[in-house]
Every structure is written in C-alpha cells, then in structure tokens.
Amino acid sequence: MSAWKIAALALLMILAGCGRDDPEAALQQAAEQLQTTLENKQVGDLMELLHADFQAQRQYDQEWARRTATLMFLRHRNVRVIALSQRSWVDPTYPDRGHTEAQVTLAGAESLLPQQAGHYQVRLEWRQDRGEWQLARLEWD
C-alpha cells in the first residue's frame, strides 16, 4: 500500500473518530461551557445548563443560583473562573451521570486587578437529559 493511501486511510479514521458521540468529550465541553457562561455573565445561559433538580450544597436550588449569579455579575464588571486542575468522567454504572472535580479560583474585578477572589475545591454532578449534560449537583469546600 502506498504512503498516500495509508495517510488517506489514517485521515479517514481520525475524521470518523471525531464524528462519533463521545460522552466524556461532551461532558468536558459542558464543564467548559459552564466556565465560559460565568465569565461572560450570561444568567440565561447559566440557567439552561442547570438540571431541573439542581441543588448546591444540598440546600440551594435554581432560584438561589439565578439570584447569586445575578448579584455577582452586577457587583463585578469582570468575572474570571480559573481552573487550576480539573478531572471529568462518566459514571461507569450510570452512563447518564457524569462528574467533575476541580480546584478553581473565582475572581471578580472592576478592571484588571481582582477585588474579590476565592479558592475552592468543587464537585459537580452532571445528568444527561435529551443528549445534553446538565448540572444537577454542586458542592464546594
């Protein structure tokens, strides 16, 4: 087989692999979308990422998330979410559930220098609903 045929076959295999549904890649993309949504201060998009049964710290619901995000976005012109480390995986027992663990720094600022910053260890539980990953549980230390 010629080198060109081998290269063409390899390219086709790569493209075919990219076209398959990869739940872990989609989960990672959902985590990145959450970060982007927060940094772009998009309350509506944030709410679309939350599962109907969303809970934070086992006591807060979607309304709390909406109010908290709105307050943070009004208080700070710039919001940054810096993931220092992150790991996402699909639950091997329940393939419609995914998890993300991360160490993040959340910073708010009026200009370049942060006025408020916090370092958190966060644990997120995602649920797949109609093919989309949605955030169902959020816990932090």
N, C-alpha and C. Protein backbone atom coordinates (compact mmCIF):
# COMPACT_ATOMS: atom_id res chain seq x y z
N MET A 1 0.85 -1.16 0.00
CA MET A 1 0.00 0.00 0.00
C MET A 1 0.90 1.23 0.00
N SER A 2 0.57 2.21 -0.80
CA SER A 2 1.41 3.40 -0.91
C SER A 2 1.25 4.31 0.31
N ALA A 3 2.22 5.18 0.49
CA ALA A 3 2.20 6.11 1.61
C ALA A 3 0.97 7.01 1.56
N TRP A 4 0.55 7.40 0.34
CA TRP A 4 -0.62 8.27 0.20
C TRP A 4 -1.89 7.56 0.65
N LYS A 5 -2.01 6.28 0.30
CA LYS A 5 -3.19 5.52 0.71
C LYS A 5 -3.23 5.35 2.22
N ILE A 6 -2.07 5.10 2.81
CA ILE A 6 -2.00 4.95 4.27
C ILE A 6 -2.38 6.27 4.95
N ALA A 7 -1.87 7.39 4.43
CA ALA A 7 -2.19 8.69 5.00
C ALA A 7 -3.68 9.00 4.85
N ALA A 8 -4.25 8.67 3.69
CA ALA A 8 -5.68 8.92 3.46
C ALA A 8 -6.52 8.06 4.39
N LEU A 9 -6.13 6.80 4.57
CA LEU A 9 -6.85 5.91 5.47
C LEU A 9 -6.77 6.40 6.90
N ALA A 10 -5.59 6.84 7.33
CA ALA A 10 -5.43 7.38 8.68
C ALA A 10 -6.29 8.61 8.88
N LEU A 11 -6.33 9.50 7.89
CA LEU A 11 -7.14 10.71 7.98
C LEU A 11 -8.62 10.36 8.09
N LEU A 12 -9.08 9.39 7.29
CA LEU A 12 -10.48 8.97 7.37
C LEU A 12 -10.82 8.39 8.74
N MET A 13 -9.91 7.61 9.31
CA MET A 13 -10.14 7.03 10.63
C MET A 13 -10.22 8.13 11.69
N ILE A 14 -9.38 9.13 11.59
CA ILE A 14 -9.40 10.24 12.55
C ILE A 14 -10.71 11.00 12.42
N LEU A 15 -11.13 11.30 11.18
CA LEU A 15 -12.38 12.03 10.98
C LEU A 15 -13.57 11.22 11.44
N ALA A 16 -13.55 9.93 11.23
CA ALA A 16 -14.64 9.08 11.69
C ALA A 16 -14.69 9.06 13.21
N GLY A 17 -13.54 9.04 13.84
CA GLY A 17 -13.48 9.07 15.31
C GLY A 17 -14.01 10.36 15.87
N CYS A 18 -13.77 11.46 15.18
CA CYS A 18 -14.26 12.76 15.64
C CYS A 18 -15.77 12.85 15.50
N GLY A 19 -16.33 12.13 14.59
CA GLY A 19 -17.76 12.21 14.36
C GLY A 19 -18.58 11.40 15.35
N ARG A 20 -17.99 10.46 16.02
CA ARG A 20 -18.73 9.64 16.97
C ARG A 20 -19.10 10.44 18.20
N ASP A 21 -20.20 10.03 18.83
CA ASP A 21 -20.59 10.67 20.07
C ASP A 21 -19.67 10.16 21.17
N ASP A 22 -19.00 11.06 21.83
CA ASP A 22 -18.11 10.73 22.93
C ASP A 22 -18.66 11.40 24.19
N PRO A 23 -19.30 10.62 25.07
CA PRO A 23 -19.92 11.22 26.26
C PRO A 23 -18.93 11.99 27.13
N GLU A 24 -17.71 11.48 27.29
CA GLU A 24 -16.74 12.20 28.12
C GLU A 24 -16.31 13.51 27.49
N ALA A 25 -16.17 13.54 26.17
CA ALA A 25 -15.83 14.79 25.49
C ALA A 25 -16.98 15.79 25.63
N ALA A 26 -18.21 15.32 25.51
CA ALA A 26 -19.37 16.19 25.67
C ALA A 26 -19.47 16.70 27.11
N LEU A 27 -19.13 15.85 28.07
CA LEU A 27 -19.13 16.25 29.48
C LEU A 27 -18.07 17.33 29.72
N GLN A 28 -16.89 17.13 29.19
CA GLN A 28 -15.83 18.13 29.31
C GLN A 28 -16.25 19.45 28.67
N GLN A 29 -16.92 19.35 27.53
CA GLN A 29 -17.39 20.55 26.85
C GLN A 29 -18.45 21.27 27.70
N ALA A 30 -19.31 20.53 28.38
CA ALA A 30 -20.31 21.15 29.25
C ALA A 30 -19.63 21.89 30.41
N ALA A 31 -18.58 21.30 30.99
CA ALA A 31 -17.85 21.97 32.06
C ALA A 31 -17.20 23.25 31.55
N GLU A 32 -16.64 23.20 30.36
CA GLU A 32 -16.04 24.40 29.77
C GLU A 32 -17.09 25.45 29.44
N GLN A 33 -18.27 24.99 29.02
CA GLN A 33 -19.36 25.92 28.72
C GLN A 33 -19.83 26.61 30.00
N LEU A 34 -19.86 25.88 31.11
CA LEU A 34 -20.22 26.48 32.39
C LEU A 34 -19.23 27.60 32.74
N GLN A 35 -17.95 27.34 32.58
CA GLN A 35 -16.92 28.34 32.86
C GLN A 35 -17.11 29.57 31.96
N THR A 36 -17.31 29.35 30.68
CA THR A 36 -17.50 30.45 29.73
C THR A 36 -18.75 31.26 30.05
N THR A 37 -19.82 30.57 30.40
CA THR A 37 -21.08 31.24 30.73
C THR A 37 -20.89 32.15 31.94
N LEU A 38 -20.18 31.67 32.95
CA LEU A 38 -19.92 32.51 34.12
C LEU A 38 -19.05 33.71 33.77
N GLU A 39 -18.00 33.49 33.01
CA GLU A 39 -17.10 34.58 32.66
C GLU A 39 -17.77 35.60 31.74
N ASN A 40 -18.72 35.17 30.91
CA ASN A 40 -19.43 36.09 30.03
C ASN A 40 -20.67 36.68 30.69
N LYS A 41 -20.91 36.30 31.94
CA LYS A 41 -22.00 36.85 32.75
C LYS A 41 -23.36 36.66 32.07
N GLN A 42 -23.64 35.43 31.66
CA GLN A 42 -24.87 35.10 30.95
C GLN A 42 -25.80 34.29 31.86
N VAL A 43 -26.65 34.98 32.59
CA VAL A 43 -27.54 34.31 33.55
C VAL A 43 -28.48 33.35 32.83
N GLY A 44 -29.06 33.76 31.71
CA GLY A 44 -29.98 32.89 30.98
C GLY A 44 -29.32 31.60 30.52
N ASP A 45 -28.12 31.72 29.97
CA ASP A 45 -27.39 30.53 29.53
C ASP A 45 -27.00 29.65 30.71
N LEU A 46 -26.67 30.27 31.84
CA LEU A 46 -26.35 29.51 33.04
C LEU A 46 -27.55 28.68 33.48
N MET A 47 -28.71 29.30 33.48
CA MET A 47 -29.91 28.60 33.92
C MET A 47 -30.24 27.42 32.99
N GLU A 48 -29.93 27.56 31.70
CA GLU A 48 -30.17 26.45 30.76
C GLU A 48 -29.24 25.27 31.03
N LEU A 49 -28.09 25.53 31.65
CA LEU A 49 -27.15 24.45 31.98
C LEU A 49 -27.56 23.68 33.23
N LEU A 50 -28.47 24.26 34.03
CA LEU A 50 -28.87 23.62 35.28
C LEU A 50 -29.99 22.62 35.06
N HIS A 51 -29.85 21.46 35.66
CA HIS A 51 -30.87 20.42 35.62
C HIS A 51 -32.09 20.87 36.43
N ALA A 52 -33.26 20.35 36.10
CA ALA A 52 -34.49 20.71 36.82
C ALA A 52 -34.38 20.43 38.32
N ASP A 53 -33.62 19.41 38.71
CA ASP A 53 -33.45 19.04 40.12
C ASP A 53 -32.16 19.61 40.71
N PHE A 54 -31.63 20.68 40.15
CA PHE A 54 -30.36 21.26 40.61
C PHE A 54 -30.40 21.55 42.11
N GLN A 55 -29.27 21.22 42.77
CA GLN A 55 -29.05 21.55 44.17
C GLN A 55 -27.59 21.90 44.38
N ALA A 56 -27.35 22.92 45.18
CA ALA A 56 -26.00 23.29 45.57
C ALA A 56 -25.90 23.15 47.08
N GLN A 57 -24.83 22.54 47.52
CA GLN A 57 -24.58 22.32 48.94
C GLN A 57 -25.77 21.63 49.63
N ARG A 58 -26.53 20.86 48.88
CA ARG A 58 -27.67 20.09 49.38
C ARG A 58 -28.78 20.95 49.98
N GLN A 59 -28.76 22.26 49.67
CA GLN A 59 -29.81 23.11 50.23
C GLN A 59 -30.28 24.23 49.31
N TYR A 60 -29.50 24.57 48.29
CA TYR A 60 -29.86 25.68 47.42
C TYR A 60 -30.37 25.16 46.08
N ASP A 61 -31.34 25.89 45.50
CA ASP A 61 -31.97 25.45 44.26
C ASP A 61 -31.64 26.39 43.10
N GLN A 62 -32.35 26.21 41.99
CA GLN A 62 -32.11 27.02 40.80
C GLN A 62 -32.33 28.50 41.06
N GLU A 63 -33.34 28.84 41.83
CA GLU A 63 -33.61 30.26 42.12
C GLU A 63 -32.44 30.88 42.87
N TRP A 64 -31.87 30.14 43.80
CA TRP A 64 -30.68 30.64 44.51
C TRP A 64 -29.54 30.86 43.52
N ALA A 65 -29.34 29.93 42.59
CA ALA A 65 -28.27 30.06 41.60
C ALA A 65 -28.49 31.30 40.73
N ARG A 66 -29.72 31.54 40.31
CA ARG A 66 -30.02 32.71 39.49
C ARG A 66 -29.75 34.01 40.26
N ARG A 67 -30.23 34.08 41.49
CA ARG A 67 -30.02 35.30 42.30
C ARG A 67 -28.54 35.52 42.60
N THR A 68 -27.83 34.46 42.96
CA THR A 68 -26.40 34.58 43.29
C THR A 68 -25.59 35.01 42.08
N ALA A 69 -25.85 34.40 40.94
CA ALA A 69 -25.13 34.77 39.72
C ALA A 69 -25.43 36.22 39.33
N THR A 70 -26.70 36.60 39.40
CA THR A 70 -27.08 37.97 39.04
C THR A 70 -26.38 38.97 39.94
N LEU A 71 -26.35 38.71 41.23
CA LEU A 71 -25.68 39.61 42.17
C LEU A 71 -24.18 39.70 41.88
N MET A 72 -23.53 38.56 41.63
CA MET A 72 -22.11 38.55 41.32
C MET A 72 -21.84 39.32 40.03
N PHE A 73 -22.68 39.13 39.02
CA PHE A 73 -22.48 39.80 37.74
C PHE A 73 -22.71 41.31 37.85
N LEU A 74 -23.65 41.72 38.70
CA LEU A 74 -23.88 43.15 38.90
C LEU A 74 -22.75 43.80 39.71
N ARG A 75 -22.22 43.05 40.64
CA ARG A 75 -21.19 43.57 41.53
C ARG A 75 -19.83 43.72 40.83
N HIS A 76 -19.54 42.83 39.88
CA HIS A 76 -18.22 42.81 39.25
C HIS A 76 -18.35 42.93 37.74
N ARG A 77 -17.62 43.87 37.15
CA ARG A 77 -17.61 44.03 35.70
C ARG A 77 -16.93 42.83 35.05
N ASN A 78 -15.87 42.33 35.66
CA ASN A 78 -15.12 41.19 35.12
C ASN A 78 -15.21 40.02 36.10
N VAL A 79 -15.55 38.87 35.58
CA VAL A 79 -15.60 37.64 36.38
C VAL A 79 -14.67 36.64 35.72
N ARG A 80 -13.80 36.04 36.51
CA ARG A 80 -12.86 35.03 35.99
C ARG A 80 -13.02 33.74 36.79
N VAL A 81 -13.04 32.63 36.08
CA VAL A 81 -13.03 31.30 36.68
C VAL A 81 -11.77 30.63 36.18
N ILE A 82 -10.83 30.41 37.09
CA ILE A 82 -9.54 29.83 36.71
C ILE A 82 -9.48 28.42 37.26
N ALA A 83 -9.51 27.43 36.37
CA ALA A 83 -9.43 26.03 36.78
C ALA A 83 -7.96 25.66 36.94
N LEU A 84 -7.54 25.44 38.18
CA LEU A 84 -6.15 25.07 38.44
C LEU A 84 -5.91 23.60 38.13
N SER A 85 -6.92 22.79 38.38
CA SER A 85 -6.89 21.38 37.99
C SER A 85 -8.34 20.96 37.79
N GLN A 86 -8.55 20.01 36.89
CA GLN A 86 -9.90 19.58 36.59
C GLN A 86 -9.87 18.15 36.06
N ARG A 87 -10.87 17.38 36.49
CA ARG A 87 -11.00 16.00 36.03
C ARG A 87 -12.48 15.69 35.87
N SER A 88 -12.87 15.23 34.70
CA SER A 88 -14.26 14.87 34.42
C SER A 88 -14.33 13.42 33.96
N TRP A 89 -15.41 12.74 34.34
CA TRP A 89 -15.59 11.35 33.90
C TRP A 89 -17.08 11.00 33.93
N VAL A 90 -17.44 10.03 33.11
CA VAL A 90 -18.80 9.49 33.06
C VAL A 90 -18.86 8.33 34.04
N ASP A 91 -19.92 8.27 34.82
CA ASP A 91 -20.11 7.21 35.81
C ASP A 91 -20.21 5.87 35.08
N PRO A 92 -19.36 4.89 35.44
CA PRO A 92 -19.40 3.60 34.73
C PRO A 92 -20.68 2.81 35.01
N THR A 93 -21.34 3.05 36.13
CA THR A 93 -22.57 2.33 36.47
C THR A 93 -23.80 3.00 35.87
N TYR A 94 -23.81 4.32 35.90
CA TYR A 94 -24.94 5.09 35.38
C TYR A 94 -24.42 6.01 34.26
N PRO A 95 -24.46 5.57 33.01
CA PRO A 95 -23.85 6.34 31.92
C PRO A 95 -24.52 7.68 31.64
N ASP A 96 -25.68 7.94 32.27
CA ASP A 96 -26.32 9.24 32.10
C ASP A 96 -25.91 10.22 33.20
N ARG A 97 -24.92 9.82 34.01
CA ARG A 97 -24.39 10.69 35.06
C ARG A 97 -22.90 10.90 34.87
N GLY A 98 -22.49 12.12 35.07
CA GLY A 98 -21.09 12.45 34.95
C GLY A 98 -20.64 13.25 36.15
N HIS A 99 -19.34 13.32 36.33
CA HIS A 99 -18.77 14.02 37.49
C HIS A 99 -17.59 14.87 37.04
N THR A 100 -17.43 16.00 37.71
CA THR A 100 -16.28 16.85 37.52
C THR A 100 -15.78 17.25 38.90
N GLU A 101 -14.49 17.12 39.10
CA GLU A 101 -13.84 17.62 40.30
C GLU A 101 -12.79 18.62 39.85
N ALA A 102 -12.73 19.76 40.54
CA ALA A 102 -11.78 20.79 40.12
C ALA A 102 -11.38 21.66 41.30
N GLN A 103 -10.20 22.21 41.19
CA GLN A 103 -9.76 23.28 42.07
C GLN A 103 -9.84 24.54 41.24
N VAL A 104 -10.63 25.50 41.70
CA VAL A 104 -10.83 26.71 40.93
C VAL A 104 -10.61 27.95 41.79
N THR A 105 -10.22 29.01 41.12
CA THR A 105 -10.18 30.32 41.72
C THR A 105 -11.25 31.14 41.02
N LEU A 106 -12.12 31.74 41.82
CA LEU A 106 -13.18 32.58 41.30
C LEU A 106 -12.83 34.01 41.68
N ALA A 107 -12.71 34.88 40.70
CA ALA A 107 -12.30 36.27 40.95
C ALA A 107 -13.27 37.24 40.29
N GLY A 108 -13.51 38.34 40.98
CA GLY A 108 -14.34 39.41 40.45
C GLY A 108 -13.57 40.70 40.51
N ALA A 109 -13.74 41.54 39.47
CA ALA A 109 -12.98 42.78 39.41
C ALA A 109 -13.76 43.84 38.65
N GLU A 110 -13.40 45.08 38.91
CA GLU A 110 -13.94 46.20 38.14
C GLU A 110 -13.03 46.50 36.96
N SER A 111 -11.75 46.22 37.10
CA SER A 111 -10.81 46.42 35.99
C SER A 111 -9.88 45.22 35.97
N LEU A 112 -8.59 45.43 35.84
CA LEU A 112 -7.66 44.32 35.71
C LEU A 112 -7.36 43.61 37.03
N LEU A 113 -7.31 44.33 38.13
CA LEU A 113 -6.94 43.74 39.41
C LEU A 113 -8.17 43.21 40.14
N PRO A 114 -8.13 41.96 40.59
CA PRO A 114 -9.29 41.39 41.30
C PRO A 114 -9.56 42.15 42.60
N GLN A 115 -10.85 42.38 42.85
CA GLN A 115 -11.26 42.97 44.11
C GLN A 115 -11.68 41.90 45.10
N GLN A 116 -12.08 40.78 44.56
CA GLN A 116 -12.52 39.67 45.40
C GLN A 116 -12.10 38.38 44.71
N ALA A 117 -11.53 37.47 45.49
CA ALA A 117 -11.11 36.18 44.92
C ALA A 117 -11.24 35.11 45.98
N GLY A 118 -11.53 33.90 45.54
CA GLY A 118 -11.63 32.77 46.45
C GLY A 118 -11.16 31.51 45.76
N HIS A 119 -10.57 30.63 46.53
CA HIS A 119 -10.09 29.35 46.01
C HIS A 119 -11.02 28.26 46.54
N TYR A 120 -11.50 27.40 45.66
CA TYR A 120 -12.49 26.39 46.04
C TYR A 120 -12.14 25.03 45.45
N GLN A 121 -12.47 24.00 46.19
CA GLN A 121 -12.47 22.62 45.69
C GLN A 121 -13.93 22.33 45.37
N VAL A 122 -14.25 22.13 44.08
CA VAL A 122 -15.64 21.93 43.70
C VAL A 122 -15.86 20.52 43.16
N ARG A 123 -17.06 20.02 43.42
CA ARG A 123 -17.51 18.74 42.91
C ARG A 123 -18.85 18.97 42.22
N LEU A 124 -18.91 18.57 40.96
CA LEU A 124 -20.12 18.75 40.17
C LEU A 124 -20.64 17.39 39.73
N GLU A 125 -21.93 17.22 39.81
CA GLU A 125 -22.57 16.02 39.27
C GLU A 125 -23.45 16.46 38.12
N TRP A 126 -23.26 15.84 36.98
CA TRP A 126 -23.99 16.16 35.77
C TRP A 126 -24.97 15.05 35.46
N ARG A 127 -26.08 15.38 34.85
CA ARG A 127 -27.03 14.38 34.35
C ARG A 127 -27.31 14.68 32.89
N GLN A 128 -27.37 13.62 32.14
CA GLN A 128 -27.63 13.76 30.71
C GLN A 128 -29.14 13.75 30.51
N ASP A 129 -29.65 14.80 29.89
CA ASP A 129 -31.08 14.94 29.64
C ASP A 129 -31.26 15.27 28.16
N ARG A 130 -31.91 14.38 27.43
CA ARG A 130 -32.12 14.56 25.98
C ARG A 130 -30.82 14.82 25.25
N GLY A 131 -29.76 14.09 25.64
CA GLY A 131 -28.48 14.17 24.96
C GLY A 131 -27.59 15.32 25.41
N GLU A 132 -28.04 16.15 26.35
CA GLU A 132 -27.27 17.29 26.84
C GLU A 132 -26.91 17.08 28.31
N TRP A 133 -25.67 17.41 28.65
CA TRP A 133 -25.26 17.35 30.05
C TRP A 133 -25.74 18.59 30.78
N GLN A 134 -26.40 18.39 31.92
CA GLN A 134 -26.88 19.49 32.74
C GLN A 134 -26.37 19.30 34.16
N LEU A 135 -26.06 20.42 34.80
CA LEU A 135 -25.52 20.39 36.15
C LEU A 135 -26.64 20.12 37.15
N ALA A 136 -26.51 19.02 37.89
CA ALA A 136 -27.54 18.62 38.85
C ALA A 136 -27.12 18.89 40.29
N ARG A 137 -25.86 18.73 40.60
CA ARG A 137 -25.36 18.92 41.97
C ARG A 137 -24.06 19.70 41.94
N LEU A 138 -23.93 20.61 42.91
CA LEU A 138 -22.73 21.41 43.05
C LEU A 138 -22.39 21.46 44.53
N GLU A 139 -21.17 21.10 44.86
CA GLU A 139 -20.69 21.19 46.23
C GLU A 139 -19.29 21.79 46.20
N TRP A 140 -18.95 22.53 47.23
CA TRP A 140 -17.63 23.16 47.30
C TRP A 140 -17.14 23.23 48.74
N ASP A 141 -15.83 23.29 48.86
CA ASP A 141 -15.16 23.49 50.16
C ASP A 141 -14.34 24.75 50.05
